[in-house]
Amino acid sequence: MNESEFKKENWERELLENLALASLKEQRRTRLWGIFFKSLTFLYLFALLFAATDWIDEGKVRIAEKHTALIDVRGVIVPDSASSADKINSSLQSAFKDKNTKGVILRINSPGGSPVQAGYINDEIKRLRAKHPDIPIYAVIGDVCASGGYYVAVATDKIFVDKASLVGSIGVLMDGFGFAGTIEKLGIERRLLTAGENKGFLDPFTPLDPVQKEHAKTLLKEIHEQFITVVQQGRGTRLKDDPKIFSGIVWTGQKSIDLGLADEMGDAEYVAREIVKAETLIDFTPREGFSDLFAKRLGKVAMEFLAQSELMLR
């Protein structure tokens, strides 16, 4: 076989191999797209079923003549969280607006959070109480109701606890770290340029400025005084005259009752049954919308498909 015949045969072989490989890749791609669209169809049908079930359940919920509305305040109270002011206030408004709501329970299990967010919720509770004087609202404390969580609780008519609940922490903090000595030992030069002598307020990489420190303490004191005022207004004469109450420490549920920080023992079921006299609990806690959940699931399927395509077709 001469050189030209060898090259021709080799070229034909390479062409056939490339065509076979391209055909295999196309088959894999077609199969993967088929899987993707089947998954999409399944999710769509599941969405319809879920929505239909949700509508049925909603219809069942409204059958009760009278109920106690339940709203969970869980975790840290900050923006864009499950317990943000926007979400909790929206749930409160829905609960009070419902014609079958006989009472509202805020079931709180929170270590605190933003004083601004807690303040928004506190203000909205007071507004709704004034607008709907015939609908009482109670706070039921779980494991912990501290700082911003308690800020919310004091706006309610009564606070119920378990004997082992942790209640209080009426204080404010601002924490951070100082690395000035560390970067000096490492030979690192801090280059901080500002317009305004205090723009680098409490910068962790420069020595603590005494003037800025005093200003920070003033800010904390002002917010603490606001917190104290809210607690005193909310609890009134029930609050015992004990300076330790506002020292920032927490108390057990039993001790919190003794100090006037809480009123009675009881869980949500007890309050609904014995206090509100409407045993049926209807959950008004803010949930992720179905469209959000569907979008997340769809996005996950799409990402898995793309990753699999990349793995198989490269």
C-alpha atoms as a PDB file:
ATOM      1  CA  MET A   1       0.000   0.000   0.000  1.00  0.00           C
ATOM      2  CA  ASN A   2       1.522   3.290  -1.094  1.00  0.00           C
ATOM      3  CA  GLU A   3       1.555   6.442   0.996  1.00  0.00           C
ATOM      4  CA  SER A   4      -1.401   8.115  -0.765  1.00  0.00           C
ATOM      5  CA  GLU A   5      -3.620   5.035  -0.300  1.00  0.00           C
ATOM      6  CA  PHE A   6      -2.617   4.846   3.379  1.00  0.00           C
ATOM      7  CA  LYS A   7      -3.506   8.505   3.962  1.00  0.00           C
ATOM      8  CA  LYS A   8      -6.837   8.059   2.169  1.00  0.00           C
ATOM      9  CA  GLU A   9      -7.735   4.999   4.291  1.00  0.00           C
ATOM     10  CA  ASN A  10      -6.680   6.784   7.485  1.00  0.00           C
ATOM     11  CA  TRP A  11      -8.740   9.837   6.558  1.00  0.00           C
ATOM     12  CA  GLU A  12     -11.811   7.705   5.900  1.00  0.00           C
ATOM     13  CA  ARG A  13     -11.359   5.937   9.214  1.00  0.00           C
ATOM     14  CA  GLU A  14     -11.109   9.249  11.106  1.00  0.00           C
ATOM     15  CA  LEU A  15     -14.194  10.568   9.344  1.00  0.00           C
ATOM     16  CA  LEU A  16     -16.212   7.485  10.297  1.00  0.00           C
ATOM     17  CA  GLU A  17     -15.015   7.700  13.908  1.00  0.00           C
ATOM     18  CA  ASN A  18     -15.966  11.397  14.089  1.00  0.00           C
ATOM     19  CA  LEU A  19     -19.384  10.706  12.601  1.00  0.00           C
ATOM     20  CA  ALA A  20     -19.955   7.851  15.060  1.00  0.00           C
ATOM     21  CA  LEU A  21     -18.875  10.027  18.003  1.00  0.00           C
ATOM     22  CA  ALA A  22     -21.077  12.907  16.850  1.00  0.00           C
ATOM     23  CA  SER A  23     -24.035  10.521  16.505  1.00  0.00           C
ATOM     24  CA  LEU A  24     -23.414   9.155  20.001  1.00  0.00           C
ATOM     25  CA  LYS A  25     -23.260  12.656  21.479  1.00  0.00           C
ATOM     26  CA  GLU A  26     -26.469  13.620  19.709  1.00  0.00           C
ATOM     27  CA  GLN A  27     -28.213  10.519  21.049  1.00  0.00           C
ATOM     28  CA  ARG A  28     -27.059  11.337  24.578  1.00  0.00           C
ATOM     29  CA  ARG A  29     -28.146  14.948  24.206  1.00  0.00           C
ATOM     30  CA  THR A  30     -31.554  13.883  22.904  1.00  0.00           C
ATOM     31  CA  ARG A  31     -31.966  11.452  25.796  1.00  0.00           C
ATOM     32  CA  LEU A  32     -31.022  14.082  28.353  1.00  0.00           C
ATOM     33  CA  TRP A  33     -33.410  16.627  26.883  1.00  0.00           C
ATOM     34  CA  GLY A  34     -36.088  13.953  26.990  1.00  0.00           C
ATOM     35  CA  ILE A  35     -35.375  13.367  30.669  1.00  0.00           C
ATOM     36  CA  PHE A  36     -35.455  17.115  31.305  1.00  0.00           C
ATOM     37  CA  PHE A  37     -38.814  17.667  29.654  1.00  0.00           C
ATOM     38  CA  LYS A  38     -40.297  14.599  31.328  1.00  0.00           C
ATOM     39  CA  SER A  39     -39.139  15.968  34.681  1.00  0.00           C
ATOM     40  CA  LEU A  40     -40.603  19.350  33.803  1.00  0.00           C
ATOM     41  CA  THR A  41     -43.923  17.757  32.899  1.00  0.00           C
ATOM     42  CA  PHE A  42     -43.897  15.805  36.172  1.00  0.00           C
ATOM     43  CA  LEU A  43     -43.227  18.961  38.162  1.00  0.00           C
ATOM     44  CA  TYR A  44     -46.033  20.765  36.353  1.00  0.00           C
ATOM     45  CA  LEU A  45     -48.507  17.997  37.146  1.00  0.00           C
ATOM     46  CA  PHE A  46     -47.262  17.901  40.724  1.00  0.00           C
ATOM     47  CA  ALA A  47     -47.770  21.672  40.905  1.00  0.00           C
ATOM     48  CA  LEU A  48     -51.371  21.332  39.784  1.00  0.00           C
ATOM     49  CA  LEU A  49     -51.996  18.571  42.309  1.00  0.00           C
ATOM     50  CA  PHE A  50     -50.318  20.527  45.095  1.00  0.00           C
ATOM     51  CA  ALA A  51     -52.274  23.662  44.289  1.00  0.00           C
ATOM     52  CA  ALA A  52     -55.539  21.741  44.156  1.00  0.00           C
ATOM     53  CA  THR A  53     -54.789  20.102  47.501  1.00  0.00           C
ATOM     54  CA  ASP A  54     -53.895  23.470  48.972  1.00  0.00           C
ATOM     55  CA  TRP A  55     -57.182  24.972  47.802  1.00  0.00           C
ATOM     56  CA  ILE A  56     -59.088  22.052  49.289  1.00  0.00           C
ATOM     57  CA  ASP A  57     -57.250  22.387  52.588  1.00  0.00           C
ATOM     58  CA  GLU A  58     -57.864  26.121  52.623  1.00  0.00           C
ATOM     59  CA  GLY A  59     -61.544  25.496  52.141  1.00  0.00           C
ATOM     60  CA  LYS A  60     -61.530  23.056  55.039  1.00  0.00           C
ATOM     61  CA  VAL A  61     -59.739  25.574  57.277  1.00  0.00           C
ATOM     62  CA  ARG A  62     -62.480  28.152  56.846  1.00  0.00           C
ATOM     63  CA  ILE A  63     -65.215  25.764  57.976  1.00  0.00           C
ATOM     64  CA  ALA A  64     -64.441  26.397  61.659  1.00  0.00           C
ATOM     65  CA  GLU A  65     -66.831  28.981  63.057  1.00  0.00           C
ATOM     66  CA  LYS A  66     -64.284  30.337  65.513  1.00  0.00           C
ATOM     67  CA  HIS A  67     -60.583  29.647  65.792  1.00  0.00           C
ATOM     68  CA  THR A  68     -57.378  30.836  67.402  1.00  0.00           C
ATOM     69  CA  ALA A  69     -54.846  32.199  64.928  1.00  0.00           C
ATOM     70  CA  LEU A  70     -51.282  30.956  65.438  1.00  0.00           C
ATOM     71  CA  ILE A  71     -48.176  32.765  64.187  1.00  0.00           C
ATOM     72  CA  ASP A  72     -44.677  31.390  64.783  1.00  0.00           C
ATOM     73  CA  VAL A  73     -41.791  33.816  65.336  1.00  0.00           C
ATOM     74  CA  ARG A  74     -38.765  31.581  64.889  1.00  0.00           C
ATOM     75  CA  GLY A  75     -35.068  32.348  64.797  1.00  0.00           C
ATOM     76  CA  VAL A  76     -33.336  35.685  64.476  1.00  0.00           C
ATOM     77  CA  ILE A  77     -35.596  38.647  63.730  1.00  0.00           C
ATOM     78  CA  VAL A  78     -33.850  40.328  60.806  1.00  0.00           C
ATOM     79  CA  PRO A  79     -34.834  41.523  57.310  1.00  0.00           C
ATOM     80  CA  ASP A  80     -35.344  38.861  54.628  1.00  0.00           C
ATOM     81  CA  SER A  81     -35.821  36.106  57.219  1.00  0.00           C
ATOM     82  CA  ALA A  82     -38.836  33.986  58.145  1.00  0.00           C
ATOM     83  CA  SER A  83     -39.364  36.309  61.120  1.00  0.00           C
ATOM     84  CA  SER A  84     -38.827  39.651  59.409  1.00  0.00           C
ATOM     85  CA  ALA A  85     -41.206  42.473  60.250  1.00  0.00           C
ATOM     86  CA  ASP A  86     -42.709  42.369  56.752  1.00  0.00           C
ATOM     87  CA  LYS A  87     -43.664  38.702  57.036  1.00  0.00           C
ATOM     88  CA  ILE A  88     -44.813  38.697  60.652  1.00  0.00           C
ATOM     89  CA  ASN A  89     -46.837  41.900  60.250  1.00  0.00           C
ATOM     90  CA  SER A  90     -48.491  40.564  57.109  1.00  0.00           C
ATOM     91  CA  SER A  91     -49.509  37.417  59.016  1.00  0.00           C
ATOM     92  CA  LEU A  92     -50.780  39.490  61.929  1.00  0.00           C
ATOM     93  CA  GLN A  93     -52.926  41.578  59.600  1.00  0.00           C
ATOM     94  CA  SER A  94     -54.383  38.455  57.968  1.00  0.00           C
ATOM     95  CA  ALA A  95     -55.109  36.877  61.341  1.00  0.00           C
ATOM     96  CA  PHE A  96     -56.890  39.929  62.759  1.00  0.00           C
ATOM     97  CA  LYS A  97     -58.776  40.495  59.510  1.00  0.00           C
ATOM     98  CA  ASP A  98     -60.189  36.951  59.437  1.00  0.00           C
ATOM     99  CA  LYS A  99     -63.794  37.130  60.643  1.00  0.00           C
ATOM    100  CA  ASN A 100     -63.492  33.786  62.448  1.00  0.00           C
ATOM    101  CA  THR A 101     -60.440  34.732  64.519  1.00  0.00           C
ATOM    102  CA  LYS A 102     -61.338  34.861  68.184  1.00  0.00           C
ATOM    103  CA  GLY A 103     -57.783  35.312  69.468  1.00  0.00           C
ATOM    104  CA  VAL A 104     -54.197  35.413  68.221  1.00  0.00           C
ATOM    105  CA  ILE A 105     -51.148  33.592  69.582  1.00  0.00           C
ATOM    106  CA  LEU A 106     -47.575  34.586  68.794  1.00  0.00           C
ATOM    107  CA  ARG A 107     -45.494  31.479  69.496  1.00  0.00           C
ATOM    108  CA  ILE A 108     -42.018  32.896  69.978  1.00  0.00           C
ATOM    109  CA  ASN A 109     -38.750  30.986  69.921  1.00  0.00           C
ATOM    110  CA  SER A 110     -36.146  33.648  69.167  1.00  0.00           C
ATOM    111  CA  PRO A 111     -32.815  34.802  70.624  1.00  0.00           C
ATOM    112  CA  GLY A 112     -33.458  38.324  69.349  1.00  0.00           C
ATOM    113  CA  GLY A 113     -32.329  40.280  66.346  1.00  0.00           C
ATOM    114  CA  SER A 114     -32.680  43.749  64.911  1.00  0.00           C
ATOM    115  CA  PRO A 115     -34.202  46.311  67.294  1.00  0.00           C
ATOM    116  CA  VAL A 116     -35.683  48.050  64.256  1.00  0.00           C
ATOM    117  CA  GLN A 117     -37.421  44.897  62.988  1.00  0.00           C
ATOM    118  CA  ALA A 118     -38.637  44.027  66.486  1.00  0.00           C
ATOM    119  CA  GLY A 119     -39.855  47.611  66.883  1.00  0.00           C
ATOM    120  CA  TYR A 120     -41.862  47.420  63.668  1.00  0.00           C
ATOM    121  CA  ILE A 121     -43.605  44.266  64.896  1.00  0.00           C
ATOM    122  CA  ASN A 122     -44.219  45.749  68.338  1.00  0.00           C
ATOM    123  CA  ASP A 123     -45.804  48.844  66.781  1.00  0.00           C
ATOM    124  CA  GLU A 124     -48.007  46.784  64.470  1.00  0.00           C
ATOM    125  CA  ILE A 125     -49.273  44.617  67.339  1.00  0.00           C
ATOM    126  CA  LYS A 126     -50.273  47.724  69.276  1.00  0.00           C
ATOM    127  CA  ARG A 127     -51.975  49.193  66.206  1.00  0.00           C
ATOM    128  CA  LEU A 128     -53.966  46.021  65.589  1.00  0.00           C
ATOM    129  CA  ARG A 129     -54.919  45.712  69.250  1.00  0.00           C
ATOM    130  CA  ALA A 130     -56.345  49.233  69.145  1.00  0.00           C
ATOM    131  CA  LYS A 131     -58.169  48.543  65.872  1.00  0.00           C
ATOM    132  CA  HIS A 132     -59.566  45.171  67.041  1.00  0.00           C
ATOM    133  CA  PRO A 133     -60.110  45.531  70.805  1.00  0.00           C
ATOM    134  CA  ASP A 134     -62.317  42.435  70.858  1.00  0.00           C
ATOM    135  CA  ILE A 135     -59.511  40.140  69.638  1.00  0.00           C
ATOM    136  CA  PRO A 136     -56.867  39.415  72.302  1.00  0.00           C
ATOM    137  CA  ILE A 137     -53.301  38.541  71.373  1.00  0.00           C
ATOM    138  CA  TYR A 138     -51.015  36.432  73.547  1.00  0.00           C
ATOM    139  CA  ALA A 139     -47.333  35.499  73.412  1.00  0.00           C
ATOM    140  CA  VAL A 140     -46.381  31.875  74.094  1.00  0.00           C
ATOM    141  CA  ILE A 141     -42.676  31.368  74.750  1.00  0.00           C
ATOM    142  CA  GLY A 142     -40.842  28.244  73.631  1.00  0.00           C
ATOM    143  CA  ASP A 143     -37.200  27.574  74.459  1.00  0.00           C
ATOM    144  CA  VAL A 144     -36.055  31.177  74.388  1.00  0.00           C
ATOM    145  CA  CYS A 145     -37.516  34.662  74.098  1.00  0.00           C
ATOM    146  CA  ALA A 146     -34.632  37.058  74.494  1.00  0.00           C
ATOM    147  CA  SER A 147     -33.750  40.581  73.452  1.00  0.00           C
ATOM    148  CA  GLY A 148     -35.670  41.399  70.245  1.00  0.00           C
ATOM    149  CA  GLY A 149     -37.915  38.385  70.779  1.00  0.00           C
ATOM    150  CA  TYR A 150     -38.999  39.792  74.144  1.00  0.00           C
ATOM    151  CA  TYR A 151     -39.329  43.249  72.556  1.00  0.00           C
ATOM    152  CA  VAL A 152     -42.073  41.690  70.401  1.00  0.00           C
ATOM    153  CA  ALA A 153     -43.683  39.745  73.260  1.00  0.00           C
ATOM    154  CA  VAL A 154     -44.280  42.750  75.521  1.00  0.00           C
ATOM    155  CA  ALA A 155     -46.713  44.223  72.998  1.00  0.00           C
ATOM    156  CA  THR A 156     -49.189  41.379  73.614  1.00  0.00           C
ATOM    157  CA  ASP A 157     -51.914  41.160  76.256  1.00  0.00           C
ATOM    158  CA  LYS A 158     -50.271  38.334  78.204  1.00  0.00           C
ATOM    159  CA  ILE A 159     -47.096  36.268  78.048  1.00  0.00           C
ATOM    160  CA  PHE A 160     -47.171  32.520  78.695  1.00  0.00           C
ATOM    161  CA  VAL A 161     -44.034  30.480  79.352  1.00  0.00           C
ATOM    162  CA  ASP A 162     -42.780  27.014  80.196  1.00  0.00           C
ATOM    163  CA  LYS A 163     -40.954  26.697  83.502  1.00  0.00           C
ATOM    164  CA  ALA A 164     -37.687  26.065  81.627  1.00  0.00           C
ATOM    165  CA  SER A 165     -38.087  28.823  79.016  1.00  0.00           C
ATOM    166  CA  LEU A 166     -35.343  31.449  78.913  1.00  0.00           C
ATOM    167  CA  VAL A 167     -36.773  34.959  79.039  1.00  0.00           C
ATOM    168  CA  GLY A 168     -35.308  38.451  79.096  1.00  0.00           C
ATOM    169  CA  SER A 169     -31.892  39.681  77.936  1.00  0.00           C
ATOM    170  CA  ILE A 170     -33.184  43.242  77.977  1.00  0.00           C
ATOM    171  CA  GLY A 171     -30.042  44.859  76.685  1.00  0.00           C
ATOM    172  CA  VAL A 172     -28.183  45.907  73.543  1.00  0.00           C
ATOM    173  CA  LEU A 173     -24.788  44.873  72.236  1.00  0.00           C
ATOM    174  CA  MET A 174     -22.320  45.825  69.538  1.00  0.00           C
ATOM    175  CA  ASP A 175     -19.511  43.334  69.037  1.00  0.00           C
ATOM    176  CA  GLY A 176     -16.503  42.950  66.801  1.00  0.00           C
ATOM    177  CA  PHE A 177     -12.759  42.258  66.779  1.00  0.00           C
ATOM    178  CA  GLY A 178      -9.585  44.321  66.818  1.00  0.00           C
ATOM    179  CA  PHE A 179      -6.674  43.300  64.572  1.00  0.00           C
ATOM    180  CA  ALA A 180      -4.455  46.366  64.898  1.00  0.00           C
ATOM    181  CA  GLY A 181      -1.730  44.527  66.825  1.00  0.00           C
ATOM    182  CA  THR A 182      -1.936  41.477  64.596  1.00  0.00           C
ATOM    183  CA  ILE A 183      -1.392  43.270  61.297  1.00  0.00           C
ATOM    184  CA  GLU A 184       1.469  45.249  62.850  1.00  0.00           C
ATOM    185  CA  LYS A 185       3.251  42.043  63.837  1.00  0.00           C
ATOM    186  CA  LEU A 186       2.702  40.639  60.355  1.00  0.00           C
ATOM    187  CA  GLY A 187       4.136  43.760  58.791  1.00  0.00           C
ATOM    188  CA  ILE A 188       0.874  44.668  57.039  1.00  0.00           C
ATOM    189  CA  GLU A 189       0.196  48.323  56.321  1.00  0.00           C
ATOM    190  CA  ARG A 190      -3.410  49.448  56.709  1.00  0.00           C
ATOM    191  CA  ARG A 191      -4.374  51.961  54.015  1.00  0.00           C
ATOM    192  CA  LEU A 192      -7.677  53.533  55.000  1.00  0.00           C
ATOM    193  CA  LEU A 193      -8.701  56.730  53.249  1.00  0.00           C
ATOM    194  CA  THR A 194     -11.782  58.617  54.489  1.00  0.00           C
ATOM    195  CA  ALA A 195     -13.553  61.929  54.031  1.00  0.00           C
ATOM    196  CA  GLY A 196     -14.776  62.758  57.523  1.00  0.00           C
ATOM    197  CA  GLU A 197     -12.705  62.139  60.626  1.00  0.00           C
ATOM    198  CA  ASN A 198     -15.064  59.460  61.956  1.00  0.00           C
ATOM    199  CA  LYS A 199     -15.935  57.728  58.696  1.00  0.00           C
ATOM    200  CA  GLY A 200     -13.739  54.768  59.686  1.00  0.00           C
ATOM    201  CA  PHE A 201     -15.886  54.333  62.798  1.00  0.00           C
ATOM    202  CA  LEU A 202     -14.647  51.361  64.875  1.00  0.00           C
ATOM    203  CA  ASP A 203     -12.450  50.074  62.050  1.00  0.00           C
ATOM    204  CA  PRO A 204     -11.093  46.707  63.316  1.00  0.00           C
ATOM    205  CA  PHE A 205      -7.645  47.199  61.753  1.00  0.00           C
ATOM    206  CA  THR A 206      -6.796  50.449  63.529  1.00  0.00           C
ATOM    207  CA  PRO A 207      -6.439  51.133  67.263  1.00  0.00           C
ATOM    208  CA  LEU A 208      -9.730  51.844  69.059  1.00  0.00           C
ATOM    209  CA  ASP A 209     -10.382  55.577  69.114  1.00  0.00           C
ATOM    210  CA  PRO A 210     -11.547  56.722  72.592  1.00  0.00           C
ATOM    211  CA  VAL A 211     -13.947  59.279  71.115  1.00  0.00           C
ATOM    212  CA  GLN A 212     -15.551  56.712  68.821  1.00  0.00           C
ATOM    213  CA  LYS A 213     -15.774  54.231  71.684  1.00  0.00           C
ATOM    214  CA  GLU A 214     -17.688  56.725  73.824  1.00  0.00           C
ATOM    215  CA  HIS A 215     -20.008  57.530  70.933  1.00  0.00           C
ATOM    216  CA  ALA A 216     -20.743  53.824  70.438  1.00  0.00           C
ATOM    217  CA  LYS A 217     -21.545  53.469  74.135  1.00  0.00           C
ATOM    218  CA  THR A 218     -23.896  56.452  73.856  1.00  0.00           C
ATOM    219  CA  LEU A 219     -25.702  54.833  70.951  1.00  0.00           C
ATOM    220  CA  LEU A 220     -26.087  51.583  72.877  1.00  0.00           C
ATOM    221  CA  LYS A 221     -27.379  53.431  75.931  1.00  0.00           C
ATOM    222  CA  GLU A 222     -30.000  55.278  73.902  1.00  0.00           C
ATOM    223  CA  ILE A 223     -31.276  52.070  72.285  1.00  0.00           C
ATOM    224  CA  HIS A 224     -31.228  50.318  75.676  1.00  0.00           C
ATOM    225  CA  GLU A 225     -33.343  53.097  77.175  1.00  0.00           C
ATOM    226  CA  GLN A 226     -35.793  52.757  74.303  1.00  0.00           C
ATOM    227  CA  PHE A 227     -35.982  49.018  75.013  1.00  0.00           C
ATOM    228  CA  ILE A 228     -36.569  49.616  78.711  1.00  0.00           C
ATOM    229  CA  THR A 229     -39.358  52.093  77.948  1.00  0.00           C
ATOM    230  CA  VAL A 230     -41.088  49.609  75.624  1.00  0.00           C
ATOM    231  CA  VAL A 231     -40.923  46.896  78.306  1.00  0.00           C
ATOM    232  CA  GLN A 232     -42.227  49.198  81.012  1.00  0.00           C
ATOM    233  CA  GLN A 233     -45.096  50.350  78.812  1.00  0.00           C
ATOM    234  CA  GLY A 234     -45.969  46.814  77.810  1.00  0.00           C
ATOM    235  CA  ARG A 235     -45.803  45.228  81.245  1.00  0.00           C
ATOM    236  CA  GLY A 236     -46.980  48.180  83.330  1.00  0.00           C
ATOM    237  CA  THR A 237     -47.563  47.526  87.017  1.00  0.00           C
ATOM    238  CA  ARG A 238     -46.957  43.784  86.549  1.00  0.00           C
ATOM    239  CA  LEU A 239     -43.220  44.475  86.343  1.00  0.00           C
ATOM    240  CA  LYS A 240     -41.362  44.181  89.653  1.00  0.00           C
ATOM    241  CA  ASP A 241     -39.013  46.927  90.818  1.00  0.00           C
ATOM    242  CA  ASP A 242     -35.716  45.128  90.320  1.00  0.00           C
ATOM    243  CA  PRO A 243     -32.787  46.807  88.485  1.00  0.00           C
ATOM    244  CA  LYS A 244     -31.437  43.398  87.435  1.00  0.00           C
ATOM    245  CA  ILE A 245     -34.371  43.043  85.044  1.00  0.00           C
ATOM    246  CA  PHE A 246     -32.705  45.462  82.624  1.00  0.00           C
ATOM    247  CA  SER A 247     -29.148  44.205  83.099  1.00  0.00           C
ATOM    248  CA  GLY A 248     -29.178  42.004  79.997  1.00  0.00           C
ATOM    249  CA  ILE A 249     -29.387  38.610  81.720  1.00  0.00           C
ATOM    250  CA  VAL A 250     -32.035  35.940  81.095  1.00  0.00           C
ATOM    251  CA  TRP A 251     -34.362  34.218  83.526  1.00  0.00           C
ATOM    252  CA  THR A 252     -36.169  30.897  83.639  1.00  0.00           C
ATOM    253  CA  GLY A 253     -39.866  30.853  82.872  1.00  0.00           C
ATOM    254  CA  GLN A 254     -40.809  30.498  86.532  1.00  0.00           C
ATOM    255  CA  LYS A 255     -38.518  33.339  87.619  1.00  0.00           C
ATOM    256  CA  SER A 256     -39.784  35.547  84.797  1.00  0.00           C
ATOM    257  CA  ILE A 257     -43.292  35.193  86.206  1.00  0.00           C
ATOM    258  CA  ASP A 258     -42.035  36.158  89.669  1.00  0.00           C
ATOM    259  CA  LEU A 259     -40.403  39.274  88.199  1.00  0.00           C
ATOM    260  CA  GLY A 260     -43.446  40.246  86.166  1.00  0.00           C
ATOM    261  CA  LEU A 261     -41.751  39.595  82.822  1.00  0.00           C
ATOM    262  CA  ALA A 262     -44.343  36.907  82.085  1.00  0.00           C
ATOM    263  CA  ASP A 263     -47.817  36.068  83.365  1.00  0.00           C
ATOM    264  CA  GLU A 264     -48.583  32.354  83.448  1.00  0.00           C
ATOM    265  CA  MET A 265     -47.469  28.867  82.463  1.00  0.00           C
ATOM    266  CA  GLY A 266     -48.969  27.430  79.326  1.00  0.00           C
ATOM    267  CA  ASP A 267     -48.410  26.321  75.742  1.00  0.00           C
ATOM    268  CA  ALA A 268     -50.293  27.316  72.595  1.00  0.00           C
ATOM    269  CA  GLU A 269     -52.888  24.544  72.932  1.00  0.00           C
ATOM    270  CA  TYR A 270     -53.609  25.520  76.533  1.00  0.00           C
ATOM    271  CA  VAL A 271     -54.028  29.193  75.673  1.00  0.00           C
ATOM    272  CA  ALA A 272     -56.335  28.430  72.743  1.00  0.00           C
ATOM    273  CA  ARG A 273     -58.449  26.018  74.769  1.00  0.00           C
ATOM    274  CA  GLU A 274     -58.581  27.659  78.202  1.00  0.00           C
ATOM    275  CA  ILE A 275     -57.916  31.355  77.594  1.00  0.00           C
ATOM    276  CA  VAL A 276     -59.219  32.175  74.115  1.00  0.00           C
ATOM    277  CA  LYS A 277     -61.926  29.493  74.336  1.00  0.00           C
ATOM    278  CA  ALA A 278     -61.409  28.562  70.675  1.00  0.00           C
ATOM    279  CA  GLU A 279     -59.559  25.265  70.671  1.00  0.00           C
ATOM    280  CA  THR A 280     -59.060  25.043  66.902  1.00  0.00           C
ATOM    281  CA  LEU A 281     -55.639  26.462  65.966  1.00  0.00           C
ATOM    282  CA  ILE A 282     -55.261  27.887  62.464  1.00  0.00           C
ATOM    283  CA  ASP A 283     -51.682  28.531  61.387  1.00  0.00           C
ATOM    284  CA  PHE A 284     -51.115  31.994  59.882  1.00  0.00           C
ATOM    285  CA  THR A 285     -47.323  31.691  59.993  1.00  0.00           C
ATOM    286  CA  PRO A 286     -45.743  33.131  56.823  1.00  0.00           C
ATOM    287  CA  ARG A 287     -44.696  30.395  54.410  1.00  0.00           C
ATOM    288  CA  GLU A 288     -42.790  30.367  51.172  1.00  0.00           C
ATOM    289  CA  GLY A 289     -45.192  30.835  48.293  1.00  0.00           C
ATOM    290  CA  PHE A 290     -45.857  27.889  46.026  1.00  0.00           C
ATOM    291  CA  SER A 291     -44.380  29.746  43.070  1.00  0.00           C
ATOM    292  CA  ASP A 292     -41.152  30.237  45.044  1.00  0.00           C
ATOM    293  CA  LEU A 293     -40.941  26.565  45.957  1.00  0.00           C
ATOM    294  CA  PHE A 294     -41.739  25.523  42.385  1.00  0.00           C
ATOM    295  CA  ALA A 295     -39.124  27.902  40.985  1.00  0.00           C
ATOM    296  CA  LYS A 296     -36.495  26.544  43.368  1.00  0.00           C
ATOM    297  CA  ARG A 297     -37.313  22.953  42.424  1.00  0.00           C
ATOM    298  CA  LEU A 298     -37.318  23.772  38.725  1.00  0.00           C
ATOM    299  CA  GLY A 299     -34.008  25.576  39.058  1.00  0.00           C
ATOM    300  CA  LYS A 300     -32.494  22.599  40.835  1.00  0.00           C
ATOM    301  CA  VAL A 301     -33.647  20.209  38.096  1.00  0.00           C
ATOM    302  CA  ALA A 302     -32.281  22.523  35.407  1.00  0.00           C
ATOM    303  CA  MET A 303     -28.899  22.810  37.136  1.00  0.00           C
ATOM    304  CA  GLU A 304     -28.670  19.046  37.585  1.00  0.00           C
ATOM    305  CA  PHE A 305     -29.530  18.559  33.923  1.00  0.00           C
ATOM    306  CA  LEU A 306     -26.914  21.054  32.761  1.00  0.00           C
ATOM    307  CA  ALA A 307     -24.286  19.524  35.027  1.00  0.00           C
ATOM    308  CA  GLN A 308     -25.097  16.039  33.744  1.00  0.00           C
ATOM    309  CA  SER A 309     -25.001  17.285  30.142  1.00  0.00           C
ATOM    310  CA  GLU A 310     -21.609  18.845  30.729  1.00  0.00           C
ATOM    311  CA  LEU A 311     -20.328  15.653  32.311  1.00  0.00           C
ATOM    312  CA  MET A 312     -21.584  13.337  29.560  1.00  0.00           C
ATOM    313  CA  LEU A 313     -20.993  15.444  26.450  1.00  0.00           C
ATOM    314  CA  ARG A 314     -17.613  16.966  27.027  1.00  0.00           C
END
